[in-house]
Amino acid sequence: MTAAPSKADIVKEICQRIGLRQSLHMSTGSTEPRELFIEIDSAFGLGITSRASTKPELASAIVNAAGFAWLPQFESRGSTITRDGLLAVLDAVLFFKGDTPDQ
């Protein structure tokens, strides 16, 4: 059995999929940077930054734009996205790129 990917691993894969040369830096406590969601918005021209401001709002808008559901367990206190939430964002990125999620 292989270990589940860490939040940092998921962020790194998202960055690679959207064409960023370097992965964005994770903050203390494995907190994903807000810039990640802004970069996704920019990469796919979703226009979500004009109507969403918090990380959960941005992530939710990305996932919803792909036609997927944003679940309560995808975010936690402090405006942080959970590992499962990041996996949902990755699935949305794969959808926008025309790839299939590795589920």
PDB file of N, CA and C in Angstrom:
ATOM      1  N   MET A   1       0.839  -1.171   0.000  1.00  0.00           N
ATOM      2  CA  MET A   1       0.000   0.000   0.000  1.00  0.00           C
ATOM      3  C   MET A   1       0.891   1.244   0.000  1.00  0.00           C
ATOM      4  N   THR A   2       0.551   2.202  -0.828  1.00  0.00           N
ATOM      5  CA  THR A   2       1.326   3.436  -0.881  1.00  0.00           C
ATOM      6  C   THR A   2       0.708   4.468   0.051  1.00  0.00           C
ATOM      7  N   ALA A   3       1.555   5.328   0.565  1.00  0.00           N
ATOM      8  CA  ALA A   3       1.087   6.371   1.472  1.00  0.00           C
ATOM      9  C   ALA A   3       0.278   7.405   0.699  1.00  0.00           C
ATOM     10  N   ALA A   4      -0.721   7.955   1.373  1.00  0.00           N
ATOM     11  CA  ALA A   4      -1.531   9.009   0.763  1.00  0.00           C
ATOM     12  C   ALA A   4      -0.652  10.242   0.563  1.00  0.00           C
ATOM     13  N   PRO A   5      -0.877  10.987  -0.498  1.00  0.00           N
ATOM     14  CA  PRO A   5      -0.053  12.179  -0.732  1.00  0.00           C
ATOM     15  C   PRO A   5      -0.303  13.237   0.342  1.00  0.00           C
ATOM     16  N   SER A   6       0.746  13.940   0.693  1.00  0.00           N
ATOM     17  CA  SER A   6       0.614  15.032   1.669  1.00  0.00           C
ATOM     18  C   SER A   6       0.021  16.250   0.976  1.00  0.00           C
ATOM     19  N   LYS A   7      -0.379  17.235   1.772  1.00  0.00           N
ATOM     20  CA  LYS A   7      -0.894  18.474   1.197  1.00  0.00           C
ATOM     21  C   LYS A   7       0.170  19.114   0.310  1.00  0.00           C
ATOM     22  N   ALA A   8       1.420  19.084   0.754  1.00  0.00           N
ATOM     23  CA  ALA A   8       2.510  19.665  -0.036  1.00  0.00           C
ATOM     24  C   ALA A   8       2.660  18.938  -1.373  1.00  0.00           C
ATOM     25  N   ASP A   9       2.504  17.604  -1.364  1.00  0.00           N
ATOM     26  CA  ASP A   9       2.582  16.824  -2.605  1.00  0.00           C
ATOM     27  C   ASP A   9       1.463  17.221  -3.569  1.00  0.00           C
ATOM     28  N   ILE A  10       0.269  17.423  -3.029  1.00  0.00           N
ATOM     29  CA  ILE A  10      -0.875  17.783  -3.861  1.00  0.00           C
ATOM     30  C   ILE A  10      -0.674  19.170  -4.460  1.00  0.00           C
ATOM     31  N   VAL A  11      -0.212  20.114  -3.636  1.00  0.00           N
ATOM     32  CA  VAL A  11       0.057  21.472  -4.133  1.00  0.00           C
ATOM     33  C   VAL A  11       1.116  21.417  -5.225  1.00  0.00           C
ATOM     34  N   LYS A  12       2.148  20.619  -5.020  1.00  0.00           N
ATOM     35  CA  LYS A  12       3.211  20.489  -6.024  1.00  0.00           C
ATOM     36  C   LYS A  12       2.645  19.950  -7.337  1.00  0.00           C
ATOM     37  N   GLU A  13       1.787  18.943  -7.254  1.00  0.00           N
ATOM     38  CA  GLU A  13       1.207  18.385  -8.485  1.00  0.00           C
ATOM     39  C   GLU A  13       0.315  19.405  -9.183  1.00  0.00           C
ATOM     40  N   ILE A  14      -0.484  20.140  -8.412  1.00  0.00           N
ATOM     41  CA  ILE A  14      -1.329  21.177  -9.016  1.00  0.00           C
ATOM     42  C   ILE A  14      -0.461  22.198  -9.741  1.00  0.00           C
ATOM     43  N   CYS A  15       0.605  22.629  -9.082  1.00  0.00           N
ATOM     44  CA  CYS A  15       1.511  23.621  -9.694  1.00  0.00           C
ATOM     45  C   CYS A  15       2.083  23.088 -11.004  1.00  0.00           C
ATOM     46  N   GLN A  16       2.488  21.828 -11.017  1.00  0.00           N
ATOM     47  CA  GLN A  16       3.020  21.230 -12.241  1.00  0.00           C
ATOM     48  C   GLN A  16       1.958  21.181 -13.331  1.00  0.00           C
ATOM     49  N   ARG A  17       0.742  20.819 -12.964  1.00  0.00           N
ATOM     50  CA  ARG A  17      -0.346  20.680 -13.939  1.00  0.00           C
ATOM     51  C   ARG A  17      -0.749  22.014 -14.565  1.00  0.00           C
ATOM     52  N   ILE A  18      -0.586  23.112 -13.798  1.00  0.00           N
ATOM     53  CA  ILE A  18      -0.974  24.415 -14.360  1.00  0.00           C
ATOM     54  C   ILE A  18       0.220  25.154 -14.955  1.00  0.00           C
ATOM     55  N   GLY A  19       1.381  24.485 -14.957  1.00  0.00           N
ATOM     56  CA  GLY A  19       2.535  25.034 -15.650  1.00  0.00           C
ATOM     57  C   GLY A  19       3.419  25.978 -14.855  1.00  0.00           C
ATOM     58  N   LEU A  20       3.308  25.959 -13.534  1.00  0.00           N
ATOM     59  CA  LEU A  20       4.224  26.782 -12.727  1.00  0.00           C
ATOM     60  C   LEU A  20       5.569  26.074 -12.656  1.00  0.00           C
ATOM     61  N   ARG A  21       6.629  26.821 -12.845  1.00  0.00           N
ATOM     62  CA  ARG A  21       7.968  26.218 -12.829  1.00  0.00           C
ATOM     63  C   ARG A  21       8.363  25.726 -11.449  1.00  0.00           C
ATOM     64  N   GLN A  22       7.923  26.432 -10.421  1.00  0.00           N
ATOM     65  CA  GLN A  22       8.225  26.040  -9.050  1.00  0.00           C
ATOM     66  C   GLN A  22       6.918  25.864  -8.285  1.00  0.00           C
ATOM     67  N   SER A  23       6.938  24.933  -7.353  1.00  0.00           N
ATOM     68  CA  SER A  23       5.782  24.753  -6.488  1.00  0.00           C
ATOM     69  C   SER A  23       5.692  25.939  -5.540  1.00  0.00           C
ATOM     70  N   LEU A  24       4.493  26.344  -5.216  1.00  0.00           N
ATOM     71  CA  LEU A  24       4.303  27.437  -4.273  1.00  0.00           C
ATOM     72  C   LEU A  24       4.659  26.963  -2.872  1.00  0.00           C
ATOM     73  N   HIS A  25       5.154  27.861  -2.059  1.00  0.00           N
ATOM     74  CA  HIS A  25       5.612  27.546  -0.710  1.00  0.00           C
ATOM     75  C   HIS A  25       4.442  27.362   0.248  1.00  0.00           C
ATOM     76  N   MET A  26       4.460  26.273   0.998  1.00  0.00           N
ATOM     77  CA  MET A  26       3.447  26.022   2.017  1.00  0.00           C
ATOM     78  C   MET A  26       3.821  26.786   3.277  1.00  0.00           C
ATOM     79  N   SER A  27       2.836  27.346   3.938  1.00  0.00           N
ATOM     80  CA  SER A  27       3.068  28.073   5.188  1.00  0.00           C
ATOM     81  C   SER A  27       3.155  27.099   6.349  1.00  0.00           C
ATOM     82  N   THR A  28       3.400  27.638   7.527  1.00  0.00           N
ATOM     83  CA  THR A  28       3.490  26.837   8.744  1.00  0.00           C
ATOM     84  C   THR A  28       2.233  25.992   8.918  1.00  0.00           C
ATOM     85  N   GLY A  29       2.408  24.749   9.346  1.00  0.00           N
ATOM     86  CA  GLY A  29       1.283  23.860   9.578  1.00  0.00           C
ATOM     87  C   GLY A  29       0.653  23.340   8.299  1.00  0.00           C
ATOM     88  N   SER A  30       1.424  23.265   7.235  1.00  0.00           N
ATOM     89  CA  SER A  30       0.946  22.766   5.937  1.00  0.00           C
ATOM     90  C   SER A  30      -0.228  23.568   5.396  1.00  0.00           C
ATOM     91  N   THR A  31      -0.162  24.861   5.568  1.00  0.00           N
ATOM     92  CA  THR A  31      -1.210  25.736   5.061  1.00  0.00           C
ATOM     93  C   THR A  31      -0.881  26.129   3.627  1.00  0.00           C
ATOM     94  N   GLU A  32      -1.822  25.858   2.759  1.00  0.00           N
ATOM     95  CA  GLU A  32      -1.649  26.150   1.339  1.00  0.00           C
ATOM     96  C   GLU A  32      -1.744  27.658   1.096  1.00  0.00           C
ATOM     97  N   PRO A  33      -0.977  28.161   0.141  1.00  0.00           N
ATOM     98  CA  PRO A  33      -1.009  29.598  -0.130  1.00  0.00           C
ATOM     99  C   PRO A  33      -2.246  29.991  -0.946  1.00  0.00           C
ATOM    100  N   ARG A  34      -2.801  31.134  -0.650  1.00  0.00           N
ATOM    101  CA  ARG A  34      -3.950  31.682  -1.385  1.00  0.00           C
ATOM    102  C   ARG A  34      -3.597  31.835  -2.867  1.00  0.00           C
ATOM    103  N   GLU A  35      -2.328  32.146  -3.116  1.00  0.00           N
ATOM    104  CA  GLU A  35      -1.846  32.337  -4.491  1.00  0.00           C
ATOM    105  C   GLU A  35      -2.121  31.108  -5.375  1.00  0.00           C
ATOM    106  N   LEU A  36      -2.149  29.921  -4.780  1.00  0.00           N
ATOM    107  CA  LEU A  36      -2.422  28.702  -5.541  1.00  0.00           C
ATOM    108  C   LEU A  36      -3.748  28.815  -6.289  1.00  0.00           C
ATOM    109  N   PHE A  37      -4.769  29.274  -5.600  1.00  0.00           N
ATOM    110  CA  PHE A  37      -6.100  29.347  -6.188  1.00  0.00           C
ATOM    111  C   PHE A  37      -6.189  30.476  -7.217  1.00  0.00           C
ATOM    112  N   ILE A  38      -5.446  31.534  -6.966  1.00  0.00           N
ATOM    113  CA  ILE A  38      -5.379  32.643  -7.931  1.00  0.00           C
ATOM    114  C   ILE A  38      -4.692  32.173  -9.212  1.00  0.00           C
ATOM    115  N   GLU A  39      -3.624  31.389  -9.071  1.00  0.00           N
ATOM    116  CA  GLU A  39      -2.916  30.844 -10.238  1.00  0.00           C
ATOM    117  C   GLU A  39      -3.808  29.888 -11.038  1.00  0.00           C
ATOM    118  N   ILE A  40      -4.607  29.080 -10.350  1.00  0.00           N
ATOM    119  CA  ILE A  40      -5.526  28.170 -11.039  1.00  0.00           C
ATOM    120  C   ILE A  40      -6.558  28.986 -11.812  1.00  0.00           C
ATOM    121  N   ASP A  41      -7.099  29.998 -11.155  1.00  0.00           N
ATOM    122  CA  ASP A  41      -8.079  30.876 -11.803  1.00  0.00           C
ATOM    123  C   ASP A  41      -7.486  31.495 -13.063  1.00  0.00           C
ATOM    124  N   SER A  42      -6.278  31.970 -12.946  1.00  0.00           N
ATOM    125  CA  SER A  42      -5.597  32.603 -14.079  1.00  0.00           C
ATOM    126  C   SER A  42      -5.318  31.598 -15.196  1.00  0.00           C
ATOM    127  N   ALA A  43      -4.882  30.401 -14.831  1.00  0.00           N
ATOM    128  CA  ALA A  43      -4.520  29.388 -15.825  1.00  0.00           C
ATOM    129  C   ALA A  43      -5.704  28.972 -16.690  1.00  0.00           C
ATOM    130  N   PHE A  44      -6.893  28.968 -16.098  1.00  0.00           N
ATOM    131  CA  PHE A  44      -8.064  28.478 -16.829  1.00  0.00           C
ATOM    132  C   PHE A  44      -9.087  29.571 -17.143  1.00  0.00           C
ATOM    133  N   GLY A  45      -8.767  30.819 -16.780  1.00  0.00           N
ATOM    134  CA  GLY A  45      -9.661  31.931 -17.097  1.00  0.00           C
ATOM    135  C   GLY A  45     -11.040  31.786 -16.492  1.00  0.00           C
ATOM    136  N   LEU A  46     -11.101  31.349 -15.242  1.00  0.00           N
ATOM    137  CA  LEU A  46     -12.388  31.091 -14.597  1.00  0.00           C
ATOM    138  C   LEU A  46     -13.101  32.359 -14.121  1.00  0.00           C
ATOM    139  N   GLY A  47     -12.335  33.418 -13.874  1.00  0.00           N
ATOM    140  CA  GLY A  47     -12.935  34.669 -13.414  1.00  0.00           C
ATOM    141  C   GLY A  47     -13.473  34.631 -12.003  1.00  0.00           C
ATOM    142  N   ILE A  48     -12.945  33.739 -11.172  1.00  0.00           N
ATOM    143  CA  ILE A  48     -13.488  33.607  -9.817  1.00  0.00           C
ATOM    144  C   ILE A  48     -12.927  34.612  -8.820  1.00  0.00           C
ATOM    145  N   THR A  49     -11.754  35.157  -9.097  1.00  0.00           N
ATOM    146  CA  THR A  49     -11.172  36.084  -8.118  1.00  0.00           C
ATOM    147  C   THR A  49     -11.978  37.366  -8.006  1.00  0.00           C
ATOM    148  N   SER A  50     -12.823  37.637  -8.973  1.00  0.00           N
ATOM    149  CA  SER A  50     -13.655  38.837  -8.895  1.00  0.00           C
ATOM    150  C   SER A  50     -14.858  38.639  -7.975  1.00  0.00           C
ATOM    151  N   ARG A  51     -15.195  37.387  -7.676  1.00  0.00           N
ATOM    152  CA  ARG A  51     -16.365  37.147  -6.832  1.00  0.00           C
ATOM    153  C   ARG A  51     -16.074  36.332  -5.570  1.00  0.00           C
ATOM    154  N   ALA A  52     -14.853  35.879  -5.403  1.00  0.00           N
ATOM    155  CA  ALA A  52     -14.479  35.094  -4.222  1.00  0.00           C
ATOM    156  C   ALA A  52     -13.205  35.686  -3.639  1.00  0.00           C
ATOM    157  N   SER A  53     -13.114  35.690  -2.307  1.00  0.00           N
ATOM    158  CA  SER A  53     -11.930  36.301  -1.708  1.00  0.00           C
ATOM    159  C   SER A  53     -11.187  35.383  -0.741  1.00  0.00           C
ATOM    160  N   THR A  54     -11.896  34.576   0.047  1.00  0.00           N
ATOM    161  CA  THR A  54     -11.203  33.701   0.990  1.00  0.00           C
ATOM    162  C   THR A  54     -10.731  32.438   0.272  1.00  0.00           C
ATOM    163  N   LYS A  55      -9.787  31.737   0.871  1.00  0.00           N
ATOM    164  CA  LYS A  55      -9.315  30.494   0.256  1.00  0.00           C
ATOM    165  C   LYS A  55     -10.444  29.482   0.090  1.00  0.00           C
ATOM    166  N   PRO A  56     -11.296  29.277   1.109  1.00  0.00           N
ATOM    167  CA  PRO A  56     -12.404  28.341   0.899  1.00  0.00           C
ATOM    168  C   PRO A  56     -13.355  28.782  -0.222  1.00  0.00           C
ATOM    169  N   GLU A  57     -13.621  30.078  -0.339  1.00  0.00           N
ATOM    170  CA  GLU A  57     -14.482  30.561  -1.427  1.00  0.00           C
ATOM    171  C   GLU A  57     -13.825  30.313  -2.790  1.00  0.00           C
ATOM    172  N   LEU A  58     -12.538  30.578  -2.877  1.00  0.00           N
ATOM    173  CA  LEU A  58     -11.816  30.374  -4.132  1.00  0.00           C
ATOM    174  C   LEU A  58     -11.784  28.895  -4.504  1.00  0.00           C
ATOM    175  N   ALA A  59     -11.416  28.050  -3.545  1.00  0.00           N
ATOM    176  CA  ALA A  59     -11.324  26.614  -3.813  1.00  0.00           C
ATOM    177  C   ALA A  59     -12.692  26.045  -4.187  1.00  0.00           C
ATOM    178  N   SER A  60     -13.713  26.456  -3.458  1.00  0.00           N
ATOM    179  CA  SER A  60     -15.069  26.004  -3.733  1.00  0.00           C
ATOM    180  C   SER A  60     -15.503  26.414  -5.140  1.00  0.00           C
ATOM    181  N   ALA A  61     -15.213  27.644  -5.529  1.00  0.00           N
ATOM    182  CA  ALA A  61     -15.585  28.128  -6.860  1.00  0.00           C
ATOM    183  C   ALA A  61     -14.868  27.341  -7.957  1.00  0.00           C
ATOM    184  N   ILE A  62     -13.617  26.973  -7.728  1.00  0.00           N
ATOM    185  CA  ILE A  62     -12.854  26.173  -8.701  1.00  0.00           C
ATOM    186  C   ILE A  62     -13.498  24.802  -8.862  1.00  0.00           C
ATOM    187  N   VAL A  63     -13.772  24.156  -7.738  1.00  0.00           N
ATOM    188  CA  VAL A  63     -14.365  22.814  -7.764  1.00  0.00           C
ATOM    189  C   VAL A  63     -15.755  22.863  -8.395  1.00  0.00           C
ATOM    190  N   ASN A  64     -16.564  23.850  -8.012  1.00  0.00           N
ATOM    191  CA  ASN A  64     -17.916  23.989  -8.576  1.00  0.00           C
ATOM    192  C   ASN A  64     -17.880  24.279 -10.070  1.00  0.00           C
ATOM    193  N   ALA A  65     -16.889  25.069 -10.523  1.00  0.00           N
ATOM    194  CA  ALA A  65     -16.773  25.393 -11.946  1.00  0.00           C
ATOM    195  C   ALA A  65     -16.528  24.145 -12.790  1.00  0.00           C
ATOM    196  N   ALA A  66     -15.930  23.136 -12.180  1.00  0.00           N
ATOM    197  CA  ALA A  66     -15.692  21.870 -12.881  1.00  0.00           C
ATOM    198  C   ALA A  66     -16.917  20.959 -12.815  1.00  0.00           C
ATOM    199  N   GLY A  67     -17.947  21.408 -12.087  1.00  0.00           N
ATOM    200  CA  GLY A  67     -19.162  20.609 -11.968  1.00  0.00           C
ATOM    201  C   GLY A  67     -19.145  19.629 -10.819  1.00  0.00           C
ATOM    202  N   PHE A  68     -18.178  19.782  -9.916  1.00  0.00           N
ATOM    203  CA  PHE A  68     -18.062  18.891  -8.765  1.00  0.00           C
ATOM    204  C   PHE A  68     -18.609  19.581  -7.518  1.00  0.00           C
ATOM    205  N   ALA A  69     -18.942  18.794  -6.514  1.00  0.00           N
ATOM    206  CA  ALA A  69     -19.483  19.330  -5.264  1.00  0.00           C
ATOM    207  C   ALA A  69     -18.365  19.710  -4.301  1.00  0.00           C
ATOM    208  N   TRP A  70     -18.551  20.826  -3.611  1.00  0.00           N
ATOM    209  CA  TRP A  70     -17.652  21.250  -2.538  1.00  0.00           C
ATOM    210  C   TRP A  70     -18.309  20.830  -1.229  1.00  0.00           C
ATOM    211  N   LEU A  71     -17.640  19.983  -0.472  1.00  0.00           N
ATOM    212  CA  LEU A  71     -18.198  19.436   0.762  1.00  0.00           C
ATOM    213  C   LEU A  71     -17.652  20.156   1.990  1.00  0.00           C
ATOM    214  N   PRO A  72     -18.416  20.190   3.071  1.00  0.00           N
ATOM    215  CA  PRO A  72     -17.971  20.883   4.295  1.00  0.00           C
ATOM    216  C   PRO A  72     -16.616  20.396   4.819  1.00  0.00           C
ATOM    217  N   GLN A  73     -16.331  19.115   4.657  1.00  0.00           N
ATOM    218  CA  GLN A  73     -15.060  18.572   5.166  1.00  0.00           C
ATOM    219  C   GLN A  73     -13.856  18.988   4.326  1.00  0.00           C
ATOM    220  N   PHE A  74     -14.070  19.741   3.260  1.00  0.00           N
ATOM    221  CA  PHE A  74     -12.975  20.210   2.420  1.00  0.00           C
ATOM    222  C   PHE A  74     -12.305  21.460   2.969  1.00  0.00           C
ATOM    223  N   GLU A  75     -12.858  22.041   4.031  1.00  0.00           N
ATOM    224  CA  GLU A  75     -12.240  23.219   4.644  1.00  0.00           C
ATOM    225  C   GLU A  75     -12.279  23.080   6.156  1.00  0.00           C
ATOM    226  N   SER A  76     -11.371  23.797   6.807  1.00  0.00           N
ATOM    227  CA  SER A  76     -11.327  23.768   8.262  1.00  0.00           C
ATOM    228  C   SER A  76     -11.176  25.191   8.793  1.00  0.00           C
ATOM    229  N   ARG A  77     -11.198  25.300  10.093  1.00  0.00           N
ATOM    230  CA  ARG A  77     -11.086  26.629  10.710  1.00  0.00           C
ATOM    231  C   ARG A  77      -9.839  27.353  10.259  1.00  0.00           C
ATOM    232  N   GLY A  78      -9.903  28.651  10.298  1.00  0.00           N
ATOM    233  CA  GLY A  78      -8.743  29.440   9.922  1.00  0.00           C
ATOM    234  C   GLY A  78      -8.604  29.605   8.423  1.00  0.00           C
ATOM    235  N   SER A  79      -9.686  29.368   7.692  1.00  0.00           N
ATOM    236  CA  SER A  79      -9.676  29.552   6.243  1.00  0.00           C
ATOM    237  C   SER A  79      -8.656  28.643   5.555  1.00  0.00           C
ATOM    238  N   THR A  80      -8.549  27.413   6.048  1.00  0.00           N
ATOM    239  CA  THR A  80      -7.605  26.435   5.501  1.00  0.00           C
ATOM    240  C   THR A  80      -8.362  25.361   4.738  1.00  0.00           C
ATOM    241  N   ILE A  81      -7.757  24.892   3.684  1.00  0.00           N
ATOM    242  CA  ILE A  81      -8.317  23.814   2.890  1.00  0.00           C
ATOM    243  C   ILE A  81      -7.709  22.496   3.379  1.00  0.00           C
ATOM    244  N   THR A  82      -8.543  21.492   3.571  1.00  0.00           N
ATOM    245  CA  THR A  82      -8.048  20.191   4.032  1.00  0.00           C
ATOM    246  C   THR A  82      -7.385  19.436   2.886  1.00  0.00           C
ATOM    247  N   ARG A  83      -6.746  18.347   3.219  1.00  0.00           N
ATOM    248  CA  ARG A  83      -6.118  17.494   2.214  1.00  0.00           C
ATOM    249  C   ARG A  83      -7.163  17.025   1.200  1.00  0.00           C
ATOM    250  N   ASP A  84      -8.327  16.604   1.690  1.00  0.00           N
ATOM    251  CA  ASP A  84      -9.390  16.166   0.778  1.00  0.00           C
ATOM    252  C   ASP A  84      -9.869  17.314  -0.104  1.00  0.00           C
ATOM    253  N   GLY A  85      -9.899  18.519   0.452  1.00  0.00           N
ATOM    254  CA  GLY A  85     -10.274  19.685  -0.341  1.00  0.00           C
ATOM    255  C   GLY A  85      -9.267  19.944  -1.457  1.00  0.00           C
ATOM    256  N   LEU A  86      -7.989  19.809  -1.137  1.00  0.00           N
ATOM    257  CA  LEU A  86      -6.954  19.991  -2.166  1.00  0.00           C
ATOM    258  C   LEU A  86      -7.054  18.912  -3.241  1.00  0.00           C
ATOM    259  N   LEU A  87      -7.409  17.699  -2.836  1.00  0.00           N
ATOM    260  CA  LEU A  87      -7.605  16.641  -3.827  1.00  0.00           C
ATOM    261  C   LEU A  87      -8.783  16.976  -4.746  1.00  0.00           C
ATOM    262  N   ALA A  88      -9.829  17.590  -4.191  1.00  0.00           N
ATOM    263  CA  ALA A  88     -10.969  18.016  -5.013  1.00  0.00           C
ATOM    264  C   ALA A  88     -10.540  19.108  -5.990  1.00  0.00           C
ATOM    265  N   VAL A  89      -9.683  20.025  -5.524  1.00  0.00           N
ATOM    266  CA  VAL A  89      -9.163  21.074  -6.404  1.00  0.00           C
ATOM    267  C   VAL A  89      -8.303  20.440  -7.500  1.00  0.00           C
ATOM    268  N   LEU A  90      -7.477  19.475  -7.147  1.00  0.00           N
ATOM    269  CA  LEU A  90      -6.664  18.774  -8.146  1.00  0.00           C
ATOM    270  C   LEU A  90      -7.562  18.094  -9.179  1.00  0.00           C
ATOM    271  N   ASP A  91      -8.627  17.446  -8.726  1.00  0.00           N
ATOM    272  CA  ASP A  91      -9.558  16.816  -9.668  1.00  0.00           C
ATOM    273  C   ASP A  91     -10.140  17.852 -10.624  1.00  0.00           C
ATOM    274  N   ALA A  92     -10.458  19.039 -10.108  1.00  0.00           N
ATOM    275  CA  ALA A  92     -10.988  20.115 -10.958  1.00  0.00           C
ATOM    276  C   ALA A  92      -9.940  20.544 -11.982  1.00  0.00           C
ATOM    277  N   VAL A  93      -8.695  20.683 -11.543  1.00  0.00           N
ATOM    278  CA  VAL A  93      -7.609  21.053 -12.459  1.00  0.00           C
ATOM    279  C   VAL A  93      -7.473  19.997 -13.558  1.00  0.00           C
ATOM    280  N   LEU A  94      -7.514  18.733 -13.174  1.00  0.00           N
ATOM    281  CA  LEU A  94      -7.429  17.651 -14.161  1.00  0.00           C
ATOM    282  C   LEU A  94      -8.601  17.724 -15.140  1.00  0.00           C
ATOM    283  N   PHE A  95      -9.773  18.028 -14.630  1.00  0.00           N
ATOM    284  CA  PHE A  95     -10.958  18.175 -15.485  1.00  0.00           C
ATOM    285  C   PHE A  95     -10.748  19.295 -16.505  1.00  0.00           C
ATOM    286  N   PHE A  96     -10.283  20.448 -16.033  1.00  0.00           N
ATOM    287  CA  PHE A  96     -10.074  21.584 -16.933  1.00  0.00           C
ATOM    288  C   PHE A  96      -9.017  21.281 -17.998  1.00  0.00           C
ATOM    289  N   LYS A  97      -8.043  20.444 -17.655  1.00  0.00           N
ATOM    290  CA  LYS A  97      -6.985  20.083 -18.591  1.00  0.00           C
ATOM    291  C   LYS A  97      -7.406  18.934 -19.517  1.00  0.00           C
ATOM    292  N   GLY A  98      -8.554  18.332 -19.227  1.00  0.00           N
ATOM    293  CA  GLY A  98      -9.011  17.215 -20.041  1.00  0.00           C
ATOM    294  C   GLY A  98      -8.401  15.891 -19.632  1.00  0.00           C
ATOM    295  N   ASP A  99      -7.784  15.864 -18.431  1.00  0.00           N
ATOM    296  CA  ASP A  99      -7.196  14.632 -17.897  1.00  0.00           C
ATOM    297  C   ASP A  99      -8.220  13.952 -16.985  1.00  0.00           C
ATOM    298  N   THR A 100      -7.971  12.690 -16.694  1.00  0.00           N
ATOM    299  CA  THR A 100      -8.854  12.007 -15.769  1.00  0.00           C
ATOM    300  C   THR A 100      -8.215  11.925 -14.402  1.00  0.00           C
ATOM    301  N   PRO A 101      -8.995  12.162 -13.340  1.00  0.00           N
ATOM    302  CA  PRO A 101      -8.452  12.028 -11.984  1.00  0.00           C
ATOM    303  C   PRO A 101      -7.975  10.603 -11.735  1.00  0.00           C
ATOM    304  N   ASP A 102      -6.934  10.477 -10.913  1.00  0.00           N
ATOM    305  CA  ASP A 102      -6.332   9.165 -10.610  1.00  0.00           C
ATOM    306  C   ASP A 102      -7.045   8.451  -9.474  1.00  0.00           C
ATOM    307  N   GLN A 103      -8.327   8.476  -9.412  1.00  0.00           N
ATOM    308  CA  GLN A 103      -9.024   7.880  -8.265  1.00  0.00           C
ATOM    309  C   GLN A 103      -9.177   6.457  -8.434  1.00  0.00           C
TER     310      GLN A 103
END
